[in-house]
Amino acid sequence: MDLGAQILKILNKRYEPSAFIETKFERYDLAFKTDRDGLPVVAYLGQKDRKGKICGERFTRRLKQLINGTIIKENWEHKGVVT
């Protein structure tokens, strides 16, 4: 499973630094953790269970940045199923 363009549009924004953010995307629940710069680095996409945990897919982001924070290269990797 790859992340679609609409989900990447959400994940390419800057958010509150070092936070865990939960939102909805169409019929899926989307949650992600941000780094100290406010960029999402871990994303969970799936359905919430009764306990509030997301059962679905996990993705991690690899970033290559310059010292001034300019992103040179980025890649979202599918890490597998989360239960």
Protein backbone atom coordinates (compact mmCIF):
# COMPACT_ATOMS: atom_id res chain seq x y z
CA MET A 1 0.00 0.00 0.00
CA ASP A 2 1.35 3.40 -0.96
CA LEU A 3 0.31 6.76 0.42
CA GLY A 4 -1.82 8.65 -2.06
CA ALA A 5 -1.37 12.23 -3.20
CA GLN A 6 -4.20 13.50 -0.96
CA ILE A 7 -2.70 11.91 2.16
CA LEU A 8 0.75 13.23 1.24
CA LYS A 9 -0.75 16.71 0.99
CA ILE A 10 -1.79 16.39 4.65
CA LEU A 11 1.57 14.92 5.70
CA ASN A 12 3.69 17.54 3.90
CA LYS A 13 2.47 20.37 6.16
CA ARG A 14 4.18 21.51 9.35
CA TYR A 15 2.41 20.92 12.65
CA GLU A 16 3.09 21.39 16.34
CA PRO A 17 6.59 20.07 17.19
CA SER A 18 6.87 16.72 19.02
CA ALA A 19 3.14 16.02 18.94
CA PHE A 20 0.81 13.11 18.17
CA ILE A 21 -2.01 14.29 15.88
CA GLU A 22 -5.16 12.35 15.02
CA THR A 23 -7.51 13.16 12.16
CA LYS A 24 -9.90 11.53 9.68
CA PHE A 25 -9.22 10.98 6.00
CA GLU A 26 -12.25 9.78 4.04
CA ARG A 27 -13.20 6.48 5.74
CA TYR A 28 -9.82 6.01 7.44
CA ASP A 29 -8.41 7.25 10.72
CA LEU A 30 -5.04 8.94 10.29
CA ALA A 31 -2.61 9.57 13.14
CA PHE A 32 0.97 10.79 12.97
CA LYS A 33 3.88 11.80 15.16
CA THR A 34 5.90 14.92 14.43
CA ASP A 35 9.58 15.61 14.98
CA ARG A 36 11.09 18.64 16.74
CA ASP A 37 10.61 20.72 13.56
CA GLY A 38 6.90 19.84 13.28
CA LEU A 39 7.25 17.50 10.28
CA PRO A 40 5.31 14.19 10.39
CA VAL A 41 7.77 11.27 10.62
CA VAL A 42 5.57 8.29 11.56
CA ALA A 43 2.03 7.80 10.22
CA TYR A 44 -0.68 5.27 11.04
CA LEU A 45 -3.56 4.74 8.59
CA GLY A 46 -6.51 2.43 9.26
CA GLN A 47 -9.53 2.01 11.50
CA LYS A 48 -9.66 2.72 15.23
CA ASP A 49 -10.72 -0.13 17.51
CA ARG A 50 -12.77 0.21 20.71
CA LYS A 51 -9.64 1.07 22.71
CA GLY A 52 -8.70 3.93 20.37
CA LYS A 53 -5.73 2.17 18.73
CA ILE A 54 -5.43 2.28 14.96
CA CYS A 55 -5.39 -1.11 13.24
CA GLY A 56 -4.01 -0.76 9.73
CA GLU A 57 -0.74 0.30 8.14
CA ARG A 58 2.35 2.06 9.51
CA PHE A 59 4.61 4.35 7.48
CA THR A 60 7.85 6.09 8.38
CA ARG A 61 9.46 9.07 6.71
CA ARG A 62 13.14 9.42 5.90
CA LEU A 63 14.38 12.95 5.46
CA LYS A 64 17.67 14.34 4.22
CA GLN A 65 18.03 17.98 5.20
CA LEU A 66 20.61 20.70 5.05
CA ILE A 67 21.71 22.39 8.27
CA ASN A 68 19.32 25.29 7.60
CA GLY A 69 16.33 22.85 7.44
CA THR A 70 15.86 22.72 3.68
CA ILE A 71 14.66 19.26 2.66
CA ILE A 72 16.82 17.71 -0.05
CA LYS A 73 15.20 14.30 -0.22
CA GLU A 74 12.28 12.56 1.47
CA ASN A 75 10.72 9.12 1.26
CA TRP A 76 7.77 7.45 2.97
CA GLU A 77 8.37 3.75 3.64
CA HIS A 78 5.66 1.17 4.32
CA LYS A 79 6.66 -0.65 7.50
CA GLY A 80 3.81 -3.15 7.69
CA VAL A 81 0.59 -3.92 9.49
CA VAL A 82 -0.21 -2.48 12.91
CA THR A 83 -2.62 -4.28 15.22
